[in-house]
Amino acid sequence: MKKILIVTQKVNMKDPILGFFHRWIIEFAKHYSQVTVICLEQGRHDLPDNVKVLSLHKELGVSKLKYVWNFYKYIWQERKNYDLVFVHMNQEYILLGCIFWMIIGKKILLWRNHPMGSYLTKLAVLWSDQVFCTSKQSFTARYSKTQIMPVGIDTDFFTKQVMDQKPNSIVVVSRISPIKNIHLIIEALKILAVDGVKFTADFYGDCLPKDKEYCSQILNRVSEAGMTDFVRFNAAIPNHKTPEIYSSHEVFINATPSGSLDKTIFEAGACETFVITSNQSLSDVLPKESVFMENDPENLAQNIKNYFSLSSDHKSILVKQIHDFVLEKHSLKKLVKMIS
């Protein structure tokens, strides 16, 4: 079994956004004799004995220059403890380390799944031996060395929880950000309310400092529409608590543009919550009731109304179709096996 170096942003099982990667590391540890992880920031983790975590110490507030110093120190001192490098999302680490890794003969794997890119992305791809993404609309999907991969959902963990599912309940698990098109979802909910559709909607997620004005605008729209009694905003929750949130709601909505595949779509599907998404790359694999036209709140509202109006048996058939698709095509076990 080979040894691998993983470079990622956070190792923190409690993190609401990146907590999922903790389970990725555990799965990698089953396929490699030794896993060394360099992360920008570390928090709570509980990993197998063959995993070593090295932090660049953002959690201690050190300078960016210190980050770089620690990075070079780690890739040098651990050079005999890894045969290949897997860089998760952050192309900067390839730009920093590629010359050293190429000189000492380490294969470089890049995971990048974003619709936008730059000349720096092109350089990172050039210096990588293999590139992975999950969407054909990803910037990196155009290259011959790129392989389309499963999203990587731990389907042993993301399962339906035993709890009541409130009828006509909607959930959105996402940070409050323009790229997530939260305003579009709010417009669709306004249409439902005007049409007399009874529903509840729960949003779970925080906003970045740069998006505070956007978040205020969202809250004002909800208030002006008179929806504060049934549209609720909650703080972000750790990733390991989301199965309960998905399972307690009937419909999950994701309006992120098609260039990337938000893992929350597949987590919700694995928990047997009906998914409605604007991601056009899923139009051929999900039920037609699941995919709405991008930037079209009226179409989203119609999809929600259509699903609410279905019989229980019909709903169960659609939910099972999504659930089986996630298990068969996008499990974490399948992903790591393909990489290893």
C-alpha atoms as a PDB file:
ATOM      1  CA  MET A   1       0.000   0.000   0.000  1.00  0.00           C
ATOM      2  CA  LYS A   2       1.322   3.424  -0.931  1.00  0.00           C
ATOM      3  CA  LYS A   3       1.651   6.478   1.271  1.00  0.00           C
ATOM      4  CA  ILE A   4      -0.161   9.715   0.479  1.00  0.00           C
ATOM      5  CA  LEU A   5       0.151  13.397   1.382  1.00  0.00           C
ATOM      6  CA  ILE A   6      -3.172  15.262   1.448  1.00  0.00           C
ATOM      7  CA  VAL A   7      -3.191  19.061   1.400  1.00  0.00           C
ATOM      8  CA  THR A   8      -6.485  20.662   2.387  1.00  0.00           C
ATOM      9  CA  GLN A   9      -7.970  23.743   4.007  1.00  0.00           C
ATOM     10  CA  LYS A  10      -9.336  22.427   7.307  1.00  0.00           C
ATOM     11  CA  VAL A  11      -9.327  19.285   9.399  1.00  0.00           C
ATOM     12  CA  ASN A  12     -12.177  19.886  11.804  1.00  0.00           C
ATOM     13  CA  MET A  13     -15.068  17.460  12.208  1.00  0.00           C
ATOM     14  CA  LYS A  14     -17.138  20.257  13.797  1.00  0.00           C
ATOM     15  CA  ASP A  15     -16.782  22.700  10.907  1.00  0.00           C
ATOM     16  CA  PRO A  16     -20.186  23.410   9.262  1.00  0.00           C
ATOM     17  CA  ILE A  17     -18.711  23.706   5.760  1.00  0.00           C
ATOM     18  CA  LEU A  18     -15.600  21.526   5.624  1.00  0.00           C
ATOM     19  CA  GLY A  19     -16.390  19.011   8.356  1.00  0.00           C
ATOM     20  CA  PHE A  20     -17.201  16.434   5.658  1.00  0.00           C
ATOM     21  CA  PHE A  21     -13.501  16.134   4.766  1.00  0.00           C
ATOM     22  CA  HIS A  22     -12.828  14.447   8.103  1.00  0.00           C
ATOM     23  CA  ARG A  23     -14.692  11.400   6.780  1.00  0.00           C
ATOM     24  CA  TRP A  24     -12.722  11.582   3.526  1.00  0.00           C
ATOM     25  CA  ILE A  25      -9.468  11.258   5.475  1.00  0.00           C
ATOM     26  CA  ILE A  26     -10.809   8.239   7.360  1.00  0.00           C
ATOM     27  CA  GLU A  27     -11.680   6.556   4.063  1.00  0.00           C
ATOM     28  CA  PHE A  28      -8.262   7.372   2.563  1.00  0.00           C
ATOM     29  CA  ALA A  29      -6.660   5.738   5.587  1.00  0.00           C
ATOM     30  CA  LYS A  30      -8.249   2.423   4.568  1.00  0.00           C
ATOM     31  CA  HIS A  31      -6.449   2.481   1.204  1.00  0.00           C
ATOM     32  CA  TYR A  32      -3.004   3.827   2.127  1.00  0.00           C
ATOM     33  CA  SER A  33      -0.477   2.587   4.659  1.00  0.00           C
ATOM     34  CA  GLN A  34       0.206   6.140   5.787  1.00  0.00           C
ATOM     35  CA  VAL A  35      -1.748   9.363   5.352  1.00  0.00           C
ATOM     36  CA  THR A  36      -0.090  12.693   6.088  1.00  0.00           C
ATOM     37  CA  VAL A  37      -2.393  15.713   6.063  1.00  0.00           C
ATOM     38  CA  ILE A  38      -1.217  19.304   5.783  1.00  0.00           C
ATOM     39  CA  CYS A  39      -4.032  21.727   6.556  1.00  0.00           C
ATOM     40  CA  LEU A  40      -4.261  25.479   6.829  1.00  0.00           C
ATOM     41  CA  GLU A  41      -6.227  25.129  10.046  1.00  0.00           C
ATOM     42  CA  GLN A  42      -7.008  22.255  12.372  1.00  0.00           C
ATOM     43  CA  GLY A  43      -9.690  21.772  14.965  1.00  0.00           C
ATOM     44  CA  ARG A  44     -11.251  18.728  16.551  1.00  0.00           C
ATOM     45  CA  HIS A  45     -10.530  15.409  14.835  1.00  0.00           C
ATOM     46  CA  ASP A  46     -10.603  11.707  15.598  1.00  0.00           C
ATOM     47  CA  LEU A  47      -8.590   9.877  12.954  1.00  0.00           C
ATOM     48  CA  PRO A  48      -6.990   6.427  12.548  1.00  0.00           C
ATOM     49  CA  ASP A  49      -3.489   5.703  13.850  1.00  0.00           C
ATOM     50  CA  ASN A  50      -1.965   5.805  10.348  1.00  0.00           C
ATOM     51  CA  VAL A  51      -2.969   9.465   9.904  1.00  0.00           C
ATOM     52  CA  LYS A  52      -0.731  12.386  10.854  1.00  0.00           C
ATOM     53  CA  VAL A  53      -2.140  15.935  10.811  1.00  0.00           C
ATOM     54  CA  LEU A  54       0.178  18.926  10.384  1.00  0.00           C
ATOM     55  CA  SER A  55      -1.327  22.398  10.618  1.00  0.00           C
ATOM     56  CA  LEU A  56      -0.020  25.593   9.040  1.00  0.00           C
ATOM     57  CA  HIS A  57      -1.529  27.149  12.188  1.00  0.00           C
ATOM     58  CA  LYS A  58      -4.135  29.573  10.963  1.00  0.00           C
ATOM     59  CA  GLU A  59      -5.948  28.660  14.183  1.00  0.00           C
ATOM     60  CA  LEU A  60      -3.070  30.334  16.067  1.00  0.00           C
ATOM     61  CA  GLY A  61      -3.264  33.509  13.993  1.00  0.00           C
ATOM     62  CA  VAL A  62       0.220  33.268  12.494  1.00  0.00           C
ATOM     63  CA  SER A  63       1.158  35.359   9.462  1.00  0.00           C
ATOM     64  CA  LYS A  64       0.837  34.232   5.836  1.00  0.00           C
ATOM     65  CA  LEU A  65       4.610  34.195   5.607  1.00  0.00           C
ATOM     66  CA  LYS A  66       4.622  31.697   8.474  1.00  0.00           C
ATOM     67  CA  TYR A  67       2.053  29.587   6.600  1.00  0.00           C
ATOM     68  CA  VAL A  68       4.434  29.336   3.649  1.00  0.00           C
ATOM     69  CA  TRP A  69       7.413  28.561   5.885  1.00  0.00           C
ATOM     70  CA  ASN A  70       5.511  25.778   7.637  1.00  0.00           C
ATOM     71  CA  PHE A  71       4.323  24.372   4.313  1.00  0.00           C
ATOM     72  CA  TYR A  72       7.827  24.045   2.899  1.00  0.00           C
ATOM     73  CA  LYS A  73       9.097  22.673   6.192  1.00  0.00           C
ATOM     74  CA  TYR A  74       6.444  19.942   6.227  1.00  0.00           C
ATOM     75  CA  ILE A  75       6.741  18.809   2.601  1.00  0.00           C
ATOM     76  CA  TRP A  76      10.527  18.522   3.127  1.00  0.00           C
ATOM     77  CA  GLN A  77      10.553  16.761   6.497  1.00  0.00           C
ATOM     78  CA  GLU A  78       7.810  14.314   5.445  1.00  0.00           C
ATOM     79  CA  ARG A  79       9.218  13.634   1.956  1.00  0.00           C
ATOM     80  CA  LYS A  80       9.913   9.957   2.750  1.00  0.00           C
ATOM     81  CA  ASN A  81       6.440   9.474   4.188  1.00  0.00           C
ATOM     82  CA  TYR A  82       4.459   9.956   0.985  1.00  0.00           C
ATOM     83  CA  ASP A  83       4.555   8.675  -2.588  1.00  0.00           C
ATOM     84  CA  LEU A  84       1.976  11.009  -4.076  1.00  0.00           C
ATOM     85  CA  VAL A  85       0.250  14.288  -3.268  1.00  0.00           C
ATOM     86  CA  PHE A  86      -3.499  14.937  -3.307  1.00  0.00           C
ATOM     87  CA  VAL A  87      -4.347  18.663  -3.200  1.00  0.00           C
ATOM     88  CA  HIS A  88      -7.962  19.311  -2.305  1.00  0.00           C
ATOM     89  CA  MET A  89      -9.462  22.463  -3.865  1.00  0.00           C
ATOM     90  CA  ASN A  90      -6.639  24.919  -3.158  1.00  0.00           C
ATOM     91  CA  GLN A  91      -4.516  25.185  -6.312  1.00  0.00           C
ATOM     92  CA  GLU A  92      -2.105  27.508  -4.512  1.00  0.00           C
ATOM     93  CA  TYR A  93      -0.382  24.572  -2.857  1.00  0.00           C
ATOM     94  CA  ILE A  94       0.466  23.068  -6.226  1.00  0.00           C
ATOM     95  CA  LEU A  95       1.909  26.382  -7.367  1.00  0.00           C
ATOM     96  CA  LEU A  96       4.032  26.473  -4.217  1.00  0.00           C
ATOM     97  CA  GLY A  97       5.137  22.843  -4.096  1.00  0.00           C
ATOM     98  CA  CYS A  98       5.117  21.479  -7.649  1.00  0.00           C
ATOM     99  CA  ILE A  99       8.797  22.069  -8.472  1.00  0.00           C
ATOM    100  CA  PHE A 100       9.946  20.334  -5.302  1.00  0.00           C
ATOM    101  CA  TRP A 101       7.505  17.446  -5.792  1.00  0.00           C
ATOM    102  CA  MET A 102       8.525  16.981  -9.419  1.00  0.00           C
ATOM    103  CA  ILE A 103      12.230  16.986  -8.520  1.00  0.00           C
ATOM    104  CA  ILE A 104      11.767  14.253  -5.902  1.00  0.00           C
ATOM    105  CA  GLY A 105       9.422  12.248  -8.131  1.00  0.00           C
ATOM    106  CA  LYS A 106       6.069  12.615  -6.385  1.00  0.00           C
ATOM    107  CA  LYS A 107       2.878  12.335  -8.426  1.00  0.00           C
ATOM    108  CA  ILE A 108       0.550  15.327  -8.040  1.00  0.00           C
ATOM    109  CA  LEU A 109      -3.245  14.975  -7.976  1.00  0.00           C
ATOM    110  CA  LEU A 110      -5.519  18.032  -7.965  1.00  0.00           C
ATOM    111  CA  TRP A 111      -9.165  18.099  -6.882  1.00  0.00           C
ATOM    112  CA  ARG A 112     -10.811  21.303  -8.112  1.00  0.00           C
ATOM    113  CA  ASN A 113     -14.508  21.700  -8.747  1.00  0.00           C
ATOM    114  CA  HIS A 114     -15.315  25.332  -9.493  1.00  0.00           C
ATOM    115  CA  PRO A 115     -16.836  26.863 -12.645  1.00  0.00           C
ATOM    116  CA  MET A 116     -14.378  29.774 -12.662  1.00  0.00           C
ATOM    117  CA  GLY A 117     -10.621  29.654 -13.163  1.00  0.00           C
ATOM    118  CA  SER A 118      -7.627  31.753 -14.158  1.00  0.00           C
ATOM    119  CA  TYR A 119      -4.161  31.422 -15.622  1.00  0.00           C
ATOM    120  CA  LEU A 120      -3.066  30.202 -12.180  1.00  0.00           C
ATOM    121  CA  THR A 121      -5.592  27.372 -12.450  1.00  0.00           C
ATOM    122  CA  LYS A 122      -4.179  26.521 -15.878  1.00  0.00           C
ATOM    123  CA  LEU A 123      -0.668  26.386 -14.395  1.00  0.00           C
ATOM    124  CA  ALA A 124      -1.853  24.160 -11.536  1.00  0.00           C
ATOM    125  CA  VAL A 125      -3.443  21.790 -14.049  1.00  0.00           C
ATOM    126  CA  LEU A 126      -0.294  21.824 -16.205  1.00  0.00           C
ATOM    127  CA  TRP A 127       1.862  20.761 -13.251  1.00  0.00           C
ATOM    128  CA  SER A 128      -0.560  18.085 -12.040  1.00  0.00           C
ATOM    129  CA  ASP A 129      -0.374  14.473 -13.159  1.00  0.00           C
ATOM    130  CA  GLN A 130      -4.120  13.980 -12.724  1.00  0.00           C
ATOM    131  CA  VAL A 131      -7.031  16.342 -12.126  1.00  0.00           C
ATOM    132  CA  PHE A 132     -10.404  15.447 -10.583  1.00  0.00           C
ATOM    133  CA  CYS A 133     -13.749  17.239 -10.581  1.00  0.00           C
ATOM    134  CA  THR A 134     -17.385  16.202 -10.234  1.00  0.00           C
ATOM    135  CA  SER A 135     -19.070  18.431 -12.823  1.00  0.00           C
ATOM    136  CA  LYS A 136     -18.679  18.736 -16.567  1.00  0.00           C
ATOM    137  CA  GLN A 137     -19.238  22.475 -16.089  1.00  0.00           C
ATOM    138  CA  SER A 138     -16.164  22.764 -13.852  1.00  0.00           C
ATOM    139  CA  PHE A 139     -13.329  24.920 -15.227  1.00  0.00           C
ATOM    140  CA  THR A 140     -10.949  21.962 -15.055  1.00  0.00           C
ATOM    141  CA  ALA A 141     -13.266  19.550 -16.893  1.00  0.00           C
ATOM    142  CA  ARG A 142     -11.939  20.728 -20.274  1.00  0.00           C
ATOM    143  CA  TYR A 143      -8.520  19.084 -19.875  1.00  0.00           C
ATOM    144  CA  SER A 144      -7.614  15.620 -21.145  1.00  0.00           C
ATOM    145  CA  LYS A 145      -5.959  14.735 -17.826  1.00  0.00           C
ATOM    146  CA  THR A 146      -9.189  15.456 -15.924  1.00  0.00           C
ATOM    147  CA  GLN A 147     -11.435  12.671 -14.691  1.00  0.00           C
ATOM    148  CA  ILE A 148     -15.069  13.214 -13.657  1.00  0.00           C
ATOM    149  CA  MET A 149     -15.514  11.734 -10.199  1.00  0.00           C
ATOM    150  CA  PRO A 150     -18.243  10.866  -7.687  1.00  0.00           C
ATOM    151  CA  VAL A 151     -19.074  13.647  -5.229  1.00  0.00           C
ATOM    152  CA  GLY A 152     -17.970  11.468  -2.311  1.00  0.00           C
ATOM    153  CA  ILE A 153     -20.851  11.143   0.162  1.00  0.00           C
ATOM    154  CA  ASP A 154     -20.391   8.889   3.185  1.00  0.00           C
ATOM    155  CA  THR A 155     -23.562   6.893   2.619  1.00  0.00           C
ATOM    156  CA  ASP A 156     -23.016   4.934   5.837  1.00  0.00           C
ATOM    157  CA  PHE A 157     -23.357   8.217   7.724  1.00  0.00           C
ATOM    158  CA  PHE A 158     -25.846  10.146   5.592  1.00  0.00           C
ATOM    159  CA  THR A 159     -28.959   8.035   5.985  1.00  0.00           C
ATOM    160  CA  LYS A 160     -32.548   8.817   6.844  1.00  0.00           C
ATOM    161  CA  GLN A 161     -32.975   9.452  10.555  1.00  0.00           C
ATOM    162  CA  VAL A 162     -35.971   8.171  12.478  1.00  0.00           C
ATOM    163  CA  MET A 163     -38.011  11.326  13.076  1.00  0.00           C
ATOM    164  CA  ASP A 164     -41.196  13.028  11.967  1.00  0.00           C
ATOM    165  CA  GLN A 165     -41.050  14.808   8.624  1.00  0.00           C
ATOM    166  CA  LYS A 166     -43.320  17.842   8.625  1.00  0.00           C
ATOM    167  CA  PRO A 167     -45.508  18.061   5.490  1.00  0.00           C
ATOM    168  CA  ASN A 168     -44.689  20.900   3.068  1.00  0.00           C
ATOM    169  CA  SER A 169     -41.441  21.649   4.885  1.00  0.00           C
ATOM    170  CA  ILE A 170     -38.464  23.080   2.996  1.00  0.00           C
ATOM    171  CA  VAL A 171     -34.816  23.235   4.041  1.00  0.00           C
ATOM    172  CA  VAL A 172     -31.805  25.066   2.624  1.00  0.00           C
ATOM    173  CA  VAL A 173     -28.352  24.214   4.007  1.00  0.00           C
ATOM    174  CA  SER A 174     -25.986  26.838   2.634  1.00  0.00           C
ATOM    175  CA  ARG A 175     -24.075  29.922   3.581  1.00  0.00           C
ATOM    176  CA  ILE A 176     -25.992  33.130   2.848  1.00  0.00           C
ATOM    177  CA  SER A 177     -24.149  34.312  -0.229  1.00  0.00           C
ATOM    178  CA  PRO A 178     -24.977  35.702  -3.696  1.00  0.00           C
ATOM    179  CA  ILE A 179     -23.259  32.718  -5.371  1.00  0.00           C
ATOM    180  CA  LYS A 180     -25.771  30.454  -3.609  1.00  0.00           C
ATOM    181  CA  ASN A 181     -28.700  32.445  -5.077  1.00  0.00           C
ATOM    182  CA  ILE A 182     -30.530  32.704  -1.771  1.00  0.00           C
ATOM    183  CA  HIS A 183     -32.434  35.720  -3.108  1.00  0.00           C
ATOM    184  CA  LEU A 184     -33.841  33.542  -5.900  1.00  0.00           C
ATOM    185  CA  ILE A 185     -35.123  30.992  -3.385  1.00  0.00           C
ATOM    186  CA  ILE A 186     -36.770  33.786  -1.372  1.00  0.00           C
ATOM    187  CA  GLU A 187     -38.509  35.042  -4.521  1.00  0.00           C
ATOM    188  CA  ALA A 188     -39.848  31.536  -5.167  1.00  0.00           C
ATOM    189  CA  LEU A 189     -41.124  31.316  -1.584  1.00  0.00           C
ATOM    190  CA  LYS A 190     -42.882  34.672  -2.024  1.00  0.00           C
ATOM    191  CA  ILE A 191     -44.660  33.253  -5.067  1.00  0.00           C
ATOM    192  CA  LEU A 192     -45.809  30.261  -3.014  1.00  0.00           C
ATOM    193  CA  ALA A 193     -47.076  32.523  -0.252  1.00  0.00           C
ATOM    194  CA  VAL A 194     -48.993  34.756  -2.685  1.00  0.00           C
ATOM    195  CA  ASP A 195     -50.534  31.650  -4.276  1.00  0.00           C
ATOM    196  CA  GLY A 196     -51.762  30.507  -0.870  1.00  0.00           C
ATOM    197  CA  VAL A 197     -49.486  27.491  -0.557  1.00  0.00           C
ATOM    198  CA  LYS A 198     -48.941  26.532   3.087  1.00  0.00           C
ATOM    199  CA  PHE A 199     -45.288  25.721   3.867  1.00  0.00           C
ATOM    200  CA  THR A 200     -42.402  26.241   6.251  1.00  0.00           C
ATOM    201  CA  ALA A 201     -38.812  26.952   5.196  1.00  0.00           C
ATOM    202  CA  ASP A 202     -35.675  26.671   7.313  1.00  0.00           C
ATOM    203  CA  PHE A 203     -32.324  28.095   6.249  1.00  0.00           C
ATOM    204  CA  TYR A 204     -29.164  26.851   7.972  1.00  0.00           C
ATOM    205  CA  GLY A 205     -25.998  28.822   7.296  1.00  0.00           C
ATOM    206  CA  ASP A 206     -23.943  31.867   8.174  1.00  0.00           C
ATOM    207  CA  CYS A 207     -22.647  34.629   5.942  1.00  0.00           C
ATOM    208  CA  LEU A 208     -19.096  35.773   5.352  1.00  0.00           C
ATOM    209  CA  PRO A 209     -18.195  39.321   6.470  1.00  0.00           C
ATOM    210  CA  LYS A 210     -18.184  40.469   2.851  1.00  0.00           C
ATOM    211  CA  ASP A 211     -21.773  39.241   2.424  1.00  0.00           C
ATOM    212  CA  LYS A 212     -23.323  40.931   5.474  1.00  0.00           C
ATOM    213  CA  GLU A 213     -25.127  43.523   3.365  1.00  0.00           C
ATOM    214  CA  TYR A 214     -26.519  40.776   1.145  1.00  0.00           C
ATOM    215  CA  CYS A 215     -27.714  38.881   4.232  1.00  0.00           C
ATOM    216  CA  SER A 216     -29.468  42.004   5.514  1.00  0.00           C
ATOM    217  CA  GLN A 217     -31.207  42.388   2.160  1.00  0.00           C
ATOM    218  CA  ILE A 218     -32.419  38.795   2.335  1.00  0.00           C
ATOM    219  CA  LEU A 219     -33.858  39.262   5.829  1.00  0.00           C
ATOM    220  CA  ASN A 220     -35.555  42.491   4.741  1.00  0.00           C
ATOM    221  CA  ARG A 221     -37.159  40.752   1.751  1.00  0.00           C
ATOM    222  CA  VAL A 222     -38.580  38.066   4.019  1.00  0.00           C
ATOM    223  CA  SER A 223     -39.920  40.676   6.434  1.00  0.00           C
ATOM    224  CA  GLU A 224     -41.425  42.856   3.698  1.00  0.00           C
ATOM    225  CA  ALA A 225     -43.167  39.805   2.238  1.00  0.00           C
ATOM    226  CA  GLY A 226     -44.707  38.993   5.619  1.00  0.00           C
ATOM    227  CA  MET A 227     -43.051  35.566   5.775  1.00  0.00           C
ATOM    228  CA  THR A 228     -41.167  35.795   9.068  1.00  0.00           C
ATOM    229  CA  ASP A 229     -43.582  33.396  10.799  1.00  0.00           C
ATOM    230  CA  PHE A 230     -42.822  30.500   8.458  1.00  0.00           C
ATOM    231  CA  VAL A 231     -39.424  31.340   6.876  1.00  0.00           C
ATOM    232  CA  ARG A 232     -36.723  30.970   9.518  1.00  0.00           C
ATOM    233  CA  PHE A 233     -32.973  31.598   9.441  1.00  0.00           C
ATOM    234  CA  ASN A 234     -30.704  29.528  11.665  1.00  0.00           C
ATOM    235  CA  ALA A 235     -26.969  29.542  12.328  1.00  0.00           C
ATOM    236  CA  ALA A 236     -24.746  27.088  10.469  1.00  0.00           C
ATOM    237  CA  ILE A 237     -24.518  23.670  12.083  1.00  0.00           C
ATOM    238  CA  PRO A 238     -21.682  21.119  12.057  1.00  0.00           C
ATOM    239  CA  ASN A 239     -21.744  18.828   9.038  1.00  0.00           C
ATOM    240  CA  HIS A 240     -22.193  15.739  11.235  1.00  0.00           C
ATOM    241  CA  LYS A 241     -25.535  17.095  12.485  1.00  0.00           C
ATOM    242  CA  THR A 242     -27.048  17.712   9.074  1.00  0.00           C
ATOM    243  CA  PRO A 243     -28.613  14.231   8.594  1.00  0.00           C
ATOM    244  CA  GLU A 244     -31.180  15.153  11.262  1.00  0.00           C
ATOM    245  CA  ILE A 245     -31.914  18.430   9.510  1.00  0.00           C
ATOM    246  CA  TYR A 246     -32.348  16.819   6.100  1.00  0.00           C
ATOM    247  CA  SER A 247     -34.473  13.976   7.452  1.00  0.00           C
ATOM    248  CA  SER A 248     -36.899  16.269   9.259  1.00  0.00           C
ATOM    249  CA  HIS A 249     -37.806  18.191   6.073  1.00  0.00           C
ATOM    250  CA  GLU A 250     -39.712  17.106   3.008  1.00  0.00           C
ATOM    251  CA  VAL A 251     -37.868  19.160   0.363  1.00  0.00           C
ATOM    252  CA  PHE A 252     -34.261  20.357   0.053  1.00  0.00           C
ATOM    253  CA  ILE A 253     -33.473  23.270  -2.298  1.00  0.00           C
ATOM    254  CA  ASN A 254     -30.142  24.195  -3.855  1.00  0.00           C
ATOM    255  CA  ALA A 255     -29.882  27.066  -6.358  1.00  0.00           C
ATOM    256  CA  THR A 256     -26.098  27.171  -6.840  1.00  0.00           C
ATOM    257  CA  PRO A 257     -25.043  27.653 -10.507  1.00  0.00           C
ATOM    258  CA  SER A 258     -24.338  24.541 -12.562  1.00  0.00           C
ATOM    259  CA  GLY A 259     -20.545  24.857 -12.618  1.00  0.00           C
ATOM    260  CA  SER A 260     -20.098  22.965  -9.370  1.00  0.00           C
ATOM    261  CA  LEU A 261     -21.975  20.192  -7.625  1.00  0.00           C
ATOM    262  CA  ASP A 262     -22.739  21.140  -4.039  1.00  0.00           C
ATOM    263  CA  LYS A 263     -22.301  18.072  -1.852  1.00  0.00           C
ATOM    264  CA  THR A 264     -25.394  19.079   0.128  1.00  0.00           C
ATOM    265  CA  ILE A 265     -27.536  18.014  -2.855  1.00  0.00           C
ATOM    266  CA  PHE A 266     -26.276  14.458  -2.483  1.00  0.00           C
ATOM    267  CA  GLU A 267     -26.259  14.450   1.314  1.00  0.00           C
ATOM    268  CA  ALA A 268     -29.940  15.395   1.319  1.00  0.00           C
ATOM    269  CA  GLY A 269     -30.714  12.769  -1.309  1.00  0.00           C
ATOM    270  CA  ALA A 270     -28.927  10.094   0.718  1.00  0.00           C
ATOM    271  CA  CYS A 271     -31.101  11.056   3.694  1.00  0.00           C
ATOM    272  CA  GLU A 272     -34.228  10.497   1.561  1.00  0.00           C
ATOM    273  CA  THR A 273     -35.208  14.147   1.343  1.00  0.00           C
ATOM    274  CA  PHE A 274     -36.569  15.209  -2.041  1.00  0.00           C
ATOM    275  CA  VAL A 275     -34.064  17.418  -3.857  1.00  0.00           C
ATOM    276  CA  ILE A 276     -34.890  20.418  -6.049  1.00  0.00           C
ATOM    277  CA  THR A 277     -31.850  21.973  -7.736  1.00  0.00           C
ATOM    278  CA  SER A 278     -30.989  24.298 -10.608  1.00  0.00           C
ATOM    279  CA  ASN A 279     -27.880  22.280 -11.467  1.00  0.00           C
ATOM    280  CA  GLN A 280     -28.421  21.422 -15.127  1.00  0.00           C
ATOM    281  CA  SER A 281     -25.726  18.736 -15.106  1.00  0.00           C
ATOM    282  CA  LEU A 282     -28.174  16.629 -13.068  1.00  0.00           C
ATOM    283  CA  SER A 283     -31.105  17.014 -15.460  1.00  0.00           C
ATOM    284  CA  ASP A 284     -30.405  13.644 -17.098  1.00  0.00           C
ATOM    285  CA  VAL A 285     -30.065  11.647 -13.880  1.00  0.00           C
ATOM    286  CA  LEU A 286     -32.598  13.112 -11.445  1.00  0.00           C
ATOM    287  CA  PRO A 287     -36.389  13.064 -11.806  1.00  0.00           C
ATOM    288  CA  LYS A 288     -37.690  15.891 -13.990  1.00  0.00           C
ATOM    289  CA  GLU A 289     -39.484  17.235 -10.914  1.00  0.00           C
ATOM    290  CA  SER A 290     -36.073  17.812  -9.271  1.00  0.00           C
ATOM    291  CA  VAL A 291     -34.457  20.245 -11.701  1.00  0.00           C
ATOM    292  CA  PHE A 292     -35.626  23.812 -12.280  1.00  0.00           C
ATOM    293  CA  MET A 293     -34.328  26.401 -14.727  1.00  0.00           C
ATOM    294  CA  GLU A 294     -31.457  28.531 -13.457  1.00  0.00           C
ATOM    295  CA  ASN A 295     -32.348  32.060 -12.330  1.00  0.00           C
ATOM    296  CA  ASP A 296     -36.063  31.328 -12.636  1.00  0.00           C
ATOM    297  CA  PRO A 297     -37.899  31.655  -9.305  1.00  0.00           C
ATOM    298  CA  GLU A 298     -41.284  31.015 -10.942  1.00  0.00           C
ATOM    299  CA  ASN A 299     -40.074  27.669 -12.267  1.00  0.00           C
ATOM    300  CA  LEU A 300     -38.685  26.802  -8.832  1.00  0.00           C
ATOM    301  CA  ALA A 301     -41.987  27.705  -7.181  1.00  0.00           C
ATOM    302  CA  GLN A 302     -43.844  25.540  -9.691  1.00  0.00           C
ATOM    303  CA  ASN A 303     -41.575  22.564  -8.997  1.00  0.00           C
ATOM    304  CA  ILE A 304     -42.204  22.927  -5.271  1.00  0.00           C
ATOM    305  CA  LYS A 305     -45.986  23.133  -5.766  1.00  0.00           C
ATOM    306  CA  ASN A 306     -45.950  20.154  -8.095  1.00  0.00           C
ATOM    307  CA  TYR A 307     -44.104  18.012  -5.558  1.00  0.00           C
ATOM    308  CA  PHE A 308     -46.336  19.069  -2.672  1.00  0.00           C
ATOM    309  CA  SER A 309     -49.391  18.033  -4.712  1.00  0.00           C
ATOM    310  CA  LEU A 310     -48.187  14.471  -5.391  1.00  0.00           C
ATOM    311  CA  SER A 311     -49.527  11.411  -3.593  1.00  0.00           C
ATOM    312  CA  SER A 312     -47.426   9.826  -0.845  1.00  0.00           C
ATOM    313  CA  ASP A 313     -46.694   6.830  -3.061  1.00  0.00           C
ATOM    314  CA  HIS A 314     -45.515   8.996  -5.947  1.00  0.00           C
ATOM    315  CA  LYS A 315     -43.303  11.020  -3.598  1.00  0.00           C
ATOM    316  CA  SER A 316     -41.753   7.825  -2.247  1.00  0.00           C
ATOM    317  CA  ILE A 317     -40.896   6.641  -5.767  1.00  0.00           C
ATOM    318  CA  LEU A 318     -39.109   9.915  -6.599  1.00  0.00           C
ATOM    319  CA  VAL A 319     -37.256  10.023  -3.285  1.00  0.00           C
ATOM    320  CA  LYS A 320     -36.053   6.441  -3.759  1.00  0.00           C
ATOM    321  CA  GLN A 321     -34.844   7.245  -7.277  1.00  0.00           C
ATOM    322  CA  ILE A 322     -32.646  10.057  -5.937  1.00  0.00           C
ATOM    323  CA  HIS A 323     -31.466   7.997  -2.958  1.00  0.00           C
ATOM    324  CA  ASP A 324     -30.436   5.041  -5.141  1.00  0.00           C
ATOM    325  CA  PHE A 325     -28.623   7.341  -7.573  1.00  0.00           C
ATOM    326  CA  VAL A 326     -26.484   8.803  -4.774  1.00  0.00           C
ATOM    327  CA  LEU A 327     -25.636   5.381  -3.342  1.00  0.00           C
ATOM    328  CA  GLU A 328     -24.709   3.873  -6.694  1.00  0.00           C
ATOM    329  CA  LYS A 329     -22.831   6.774  -8.280  1.00  0.00           C
ATOM    330  CA  HIS A 330     -21.585   9.188  -5.633  1.00  0.00           C
ATOM    331  CA  SER A 331     -20.524   7.327  -2.513  1.00  0.00           C
ATOM    332  CA  LEU A 332     -17.302   8.161  -0.692  1.00  0.00           C
ATOM    333  CA  LYS A 333     -16.171   4.539  -0.951  1.00  0.00           C
ATOM    334  CA  LYS A 334     -16.474   4.664  -4.724  1.00  0.00           C
ATOM    335  CA  LEU A 335     -14.613   7.984  -4.892  1.00  0.00           C
ATOM    336  CA  VAL A 336     -11.574   6.970  -2.822  1.00  0.00           C
ATOM    337  CA  LYS A 337     -11.366   3.599  -4.550  1.00  0.00           C
ATOM    338  CA  MET A 338     -11.197   5.365  -7.926  1.00  0.00           C
ATOM    339  CA  ILE A 339      -8.473   7.747  -6.713  1.00  0.00           C
ATOM    340  CA  SER A 340      -6.385   5.050  -5.046  1.00  0.00           C
END
